[in-house]
């Protein structure tokens, strides 16, 4: 179910059209694009829009993003093994990569949030921004097909891939740590959530990682994934100093 076209205010139509123009994309159904910006905090607060949020589009867009990125890596890195492709893919489709992309696209200005999320800085939260990028991808895929969605994805993912290949991107310390542990200890790191702090809408997660019977951390993050990356970074730094 989507918002009826007549329910889109003229100002919203202009904003959605400008968003598309700036990204050189075209939506046949602006209602679908509009839905991609509706965070669940809005639908949770508005009973009449209970199920109208971007989570289903995000689910779809995540798969389309993964497929397009994997295809590009497979075709452009013919000499690299699967491990390299997986490592780079995990970095460029991560929350840390997608959130800045969302800001460059202007997605933060397009978001429709609940009052509570708005008051707590939801427009700048990495998870919300990254999820909205995936929702836009999902909406564009439904609206214009895979080829159009792939072209759109390549416009912002290819530069991210180049950054990682040139070692200028943000490192995926979880993948680096896993590769190092498998090589050095023939085992995998084990992550553990030790505590959560803060109010429900703004949790802080604390994670440890254990490898070779040694525990590192805890380190914190605004999501479990961020906390895992932070503690993996600490462990990786210690281990690489110990590597001969």
Protein backbone atom coordinates (compact mmCIF):
# COMPACT_ATOMS: atom_id res chain seq x y z
CA UNK A 1 0.00 0.00 0.00
CA UNK A 2 1.34 3.43 -0.97
CA UNK A 3 0.35 7.02 -0.31
CA UNK A 4 -2.25 8.19 -2.77
CA UNK A 5 -0.79 10.56 -5.33
CA UNK A 6 -3.30 13.26 -4.44
CA UNK A 7 -2.02 13.23 -0.85
CA UNK A 8 1.41 14.52 -1.86
CA UNK A 9 1.53 18.24 -1.23
CA UNK A 10 2.84 20.44 -4.07
CA UNK A 11 5.90 21.38 -1.98
CA UNK A 12 6.67 17.69 -1.42
CA UNK A 13 6.30 16.92 -5.12
CA UNK A 14 8.75 19.73 -5.93
CA UNK A 15 11.22 18.47 -3.31
CA UNK A 16 11.02 14.90 -4.60
CA UNK A 17 11.43 16.05 -8.21
CA UNK A 18 14.46 18.16 -7.31
CA UNK A 19 15.96 15.21 -5.42
CA UNK A 20 15.65 13.09 -8.58
CA UNK A 21 17.05 15.85 -10.80
CA UNK A 22 20.12 16.28 -8.60
CA UNK A 23 20.87 12.55 -8.84
CA UNK A 24 20.02 12.25 -12.55
CA UNK A 25 17.31 9.67 -11.91
CA UNK A 26 13.64 9.70 -12.87
CA UNK A 27 10.74 8.19 -10.93
CA UNK A 28 7.48 7.35 -12.67
CA UNK A 29 5.81 7.02 -9.26
CA UNK A 30 6.90 9.73 -6.82
CA UNK A 31 4.76 8.12 -4.12
CA UNK A 32 7.13 5.17 -4.12
CA UNK A 33 10.11 7.46 -3.67
CA UNK A 34 8.28 9.37 -0.93
CA UNK A 35 7.68 6.14 0.97
CA UNK A 36 11.43 5.43 0.90
CA UNK A 37 11.97 8.43 3.18
CA UNK A 38 9.37 7.49 5.81
CA UNK A 39 11.08 6.14 8.91
CA UNK A 40 9.24 3.74 11.19
CA UNK A 41 9.26 6.35 13.97
CA UNK A 42 6.72 8.31 11.90
CA UNK A 43 4.44 5.35 11.24
CA UNK A 44 4.68 4.28 14.88
CA UNK A 45 3.39 7.67 16.02
CA UNK A 46 0.68 7.99 13.37
CA UNK A 47 -1.88 5.16 13.66
CA UNK A 48 -3.38 5.98 10.25
CA UNK A 49 0.03 5.26 8.67
CA UNK A 50 0.88 2.25 10.87
CA UNK A 51 2.45 0.14 8.13
CA UNK A 52 3.65 2.93 5.86
CA UNK A 53 7.39 3.11 6.39
CA UNK A 54 10.50 2.31 4.39
CA UNK A 55 11.49 -0.98 6.05
CA UNK A 56 10.21 -3.25 3.26
CA UNK A 57 11.87 -1.08 0.61
CA UNK A 58 15.08 -1.15 2.66
CA UNK A 59 14.92 -4.97 2.75
CA UNK A 60 14.59 -5.08 -1.03
CA UNK A 61 17.17 -2.38 -1.68
CA UNK A 62 19.75 -4.13 0.47
CA UNK A 63 19.61 -7.14 -1.85
CA UNK A 64 19.73 -5.04 -5.02
CA UNK A 65 22.69 -3.06 -3.65
CA UNK A 66 24.51 -6.27 -2.75
CA UNK A 67 23.89 -7.80 -6.18
CA UNK A 68 25.01 -4.71 -8.11
CA UNK A 69 28.11 -4.25 -5.97
CA UNK A 70 29.09 -7.91 -6.24
CA UNK A 71 28.64 -7.79 -10.01
CA UNK A 72 30.86 -4.72 -10.34
CA UNK A 73 33.58 -6.26 -8.18
CA UNK A 74 33.43 -9.56 -10.07
CA UNK A 75 33.73 -7.85 -13.45
CA UNK A 76 36.30 -5.20 -12.53
CA UNK A 77 38.66 -7.28 -10.35
CA UNK A 78 39.27 -10.39 -12.43
CA UNK A 79 42.64 -11.13 -10.84
CA UNK A 80 41.46 -10.92 -7.23
CA UNK A 81 40.34 -13.91 -5.13
CA UNK A 82 36.91 -14.18 -3.52
CA UNK A 83 38.27 -13.03 -0.17
CA UNK A 84 39.29 -9.65 -1.60
CA UNK A 85 35.90 -9.16 -3.24
CA UNK A 86 34.05 -10.02 -0.02
CA UNK A 87 36.21 -7.69 2.05
CA UNK A 88 35.73 -4.72 -0.26
CA UNK A 89 32.00 -5.38 -0.62
CA UNK A 90 31.54 -5.47 3.16
CA UNK A 91 33.20 -2.05 3.45
CA UNK A 92 31.42 -0.19 0.63
CA UNK A 93 27.89 -1.36 1.51
CA UNK A 94 28.39 -0.77 5.24
CA UNK A 95 26.59 1.80 7.36
CA UNK A 96 29.80 3.82 7.63
CA UNK A 97 30.02 4.15 3.84
CA UNK A 98 26.33 4.63 3.08
CA UNK A 99 25.61 7.31 5.69
CA UNK A 100 27.98 9.92 4.16
CA UNK A 101 26.59 9.03 0.72
CA UNK A 102 23.09 9.74 2.05
CA UNK A 103 24.20 13.16 3.25
CA UNK A 104 25.75 13.99 -0.12
CA UNK A 105 22.47 13.00 -1.79
CA UNK A 106 20.48 15.23 0.55
CA UNK A 107 18.52 12.35 2.03
CA UNK A 108 18.73 13.88 5.49
CA UNK A 109 16.52 16.74 4.29
CA UNK A 110 13.98 14.37 2.74
CA UNK A 111 13.40 12.12 5.75
CA UNK A 112 9.99 11.93 7.40
CA UNK A 113 10.54 11.17 11.08
CA UNK A 114 8.46 10.87 14.21
CA UNK A 115 8.64 13.74 16.68
CA UNK A 116 10.80 11.79 19.15
CA UNK A 117 13.32 10.75 16.49
CA UNK A 118 13.40 14.29 15.11
CA UNK A 119 14.18 15.72 18.55
CA UNK A 120 17.04 13.27 19.13
CA UNK A 121 18.90 14.07 15.90
CA UNK A 122 17.52 11.28 13.74
CA UNK A 123 18.43 13.08 10.52
CA UNK A 124 22.11 12.64 11.32
CA UNK A 125 22.00 9.04 12.62
CA UNK A 126 24.10 6.74 10.47
CA UNK A 127 21.70 3.79 10.68
CA UNK A 128 18.69 5.84 9.56
CA UNK A 129 20.63 7.45 6.72
CA UNK A 130 22.10 4.17 5.48
CA UNK A 131 18.73 2.43 5.64
CA UNK A 132 17.16 5.26 3.63
CA UNK A 133 19.77 4.84 0.87
CA UNK A 134 18.80 1.17 0.61
CA UNK A 135 15.10 2.11 0.63
CA UNK A 136 15.62 4.54 -2.25
CA UNK A 137 17.41 1.79 -4.16
CA UNK A 138 14.53 -0.58 -3.50
CA UNK A 139 12.00 2.01 -4.63
CA UNK A 140 13.95 2.79 -7.80
CA UNK A 141 14.27 -0.91 -8.62
CA UNK A 142 10.49 -1.35 -8.36
CA UNK A 143 9.84 1.84 -10.31
CA UNK A 144 12.35 1.56 -13.15
CA UNK A 145 13.87 -1.94 -13.12
CA UNK A 146 17.22 -3.49 -12.29
CA UNK A 147 19.31 -1.86 -15.04
CA UNK A 148 18.33 1.64 -13.93
CA UNK A 149 18.93 0.74 -10.28
CA UNK A 150 22.33 -0.73 -11.12
CA UNK A 151 23.39 2.41 -12.99
CA UNK A 152 22.30 4.52 -10.00
CA UNK A 153 24.21 2.30 -7.57
CA UNK A 154 27.36 2.38 -9.66
CA UNK A 155 27.29 6.20 -9.57
CA UNK A 156 28.12 6.20 -5.85
CA UNK A 157 29.54 2.73 -5.15
CA UNK A 158 32.32 2.75 -7.75
CA UNK A 159 34.09 5.73 -6.11
CA UNK A 160 33.84 3.95 -2.75
CA UNK A 161 35.37 0.81 -4.24
CA UNK A 162 38.22 2.90 -5.65
CA UNK A 163 38.86 4.41 -2.20
CA UNK A 164 39.17 0.97 -0.62
CA UNK A 165 41.38 -0.35 -3.41
CA UNK A 166 43.64 2.68 -2.95
CA UNK A 167 43.53 2.11 0.81
CA UNK A 168 41.88 5.49 1.43
CA UNK A 169 38.54 4.16 2.62
CA UNK A 170 37.45 3.26 6.10
CA UNK A 171 38.86 -0.15 6.96
CA UNK A 172 36.63 -3.10 7.78
CA UNK A 173 38.42 -4.18 10.93
CA UNK A 174 36.12 -7.16 11.53
CA UNK A 175 37.15 -8.70 8.22
CA UNK A 176 40.82 -7.81 8.74
CA UNK A 177 40.76 -9.35 12.22
CA UNK A 178 39.06 -12.51 11.01
CA UNK A 179 41.58 -13.01 8.22
CA UNK A 180 44.47 -12.43 10.62
CA UNK A 181 43.09 -14.81 13.26
CA UNK A 182 42.42 -17.59 10.78
CA UNK A 183 45.96 -17.27 9.47
CA UNK A 184 47.67 -16.91 12.85
CA UNK A 185 45.49 -19.03 15.17
CA UNK A 186 43.28 -21.05 12.78
CA UNK A 187 40.21 -19.79 14.65
CA UNK A 188 37.63 -17.01 14.39
CA UNK A 189 37.02 -14.07 16.75
CA UNK A 190 34.04 -14.37 19.08
CA UNK A 191 32.09 -11.18 19.80
CA UNK A 192 29.99 -10.68 22.91
CA UNK A 193 27.55 -7.92 23.85
CA UNK A 194 28.37 -7.11 27.48
CA UNK A 195 25.95 -4.25 28.10
CA UNK A 196 23.61 -1.65 26.62
CA UNK A 197 23.26 1.84 28.04
CA UNK A 198 21.09 4.87 27.32
CA UNK A 199 17.40 5.39 26.48
CA UNK A 200 15.62 3.08 24.03
CA UNK A 201 15.81 5.54 21.13
CA UNK A 202 19.53 6.23 21.60
CA UNK A 203 21.24 3.09 22.87
CA UNK A 204 24.98 2.66 23.28
CA UNK A 205 26.28 -0.90 22.81
CA UNK A 206 29.42 -2.32 24.45
CA UNK A 207 31.14 -5.29 22.82
CA UNK A 208 34.14 -7.47 23.59
CA UNK A 209 35.98 -9.83 21.26
CA UNK A 210 37.78 -13.00 22.32
CA UNK A 211 40.50 -14.69 20.32
CA UNK A 212 43.21 -17.14 21.30
CA UNK A 213 41.76 -17.10 24.88
CA UNK A 214 42.36 -13.35 25.22
CA UNK A 215 39.49 -10.86 25.56
CA UNK A 216 39.74 -7.34 24.14
CA UNK A 217 37.43 -4.47 25.03
CA UNK A 218 34.78 -3.60 25.77
CA UNK A 219 34.43 -0.86 23.17
CA UNK A 220 31.26 1.10 22.49
CA UNK A 221 29.19 2.10 19.48
CA UNK A 222 25.77 3.45 18.56
CA UNK A 223 24.94 0.07 17.05
CA UNK A 224 26.19 -3.47 17.60
CA UNK A 225 27.97 -3.36 14.26
CA UNK A 226 29.76 -0.14 15.14
CA UNK A 227 30.80 -1.51 18.55
CA UNK A 228 32.09 -4.70 16.91
CA UNK A 229 34.14 -2.65 14.44
CA UNK A 230 35.59 -0.56 17.25
CA UNK A 231 36.64 -3.51 19.39
CA UNK A 232 37.95 -5.35 16.32
CA UNK A 233 40.09 -2.30 15.53
CA UNK A 234 41.62 -2.42 19.02
CA UNK A 235 42.36 -6.15 18.80
CA UNK A 236 43.71 -5.88 15.26
CA UNK A 237 46.07 -3.06 16.29
CA UNK A 238 47.46 -5.14 19.15
CA UNK A 239 47.87 -8.27 17.03
CA UNK A 240 49.52 -6.56 14.09
CA UNK A 241 52.14 -5.13 16.42
CA UNK A 242 52.83 -8.72 17.54
CA UNK A 243 53.05 -10.17 14.04
CA UNK A 244 56.58 -11.00 12.99
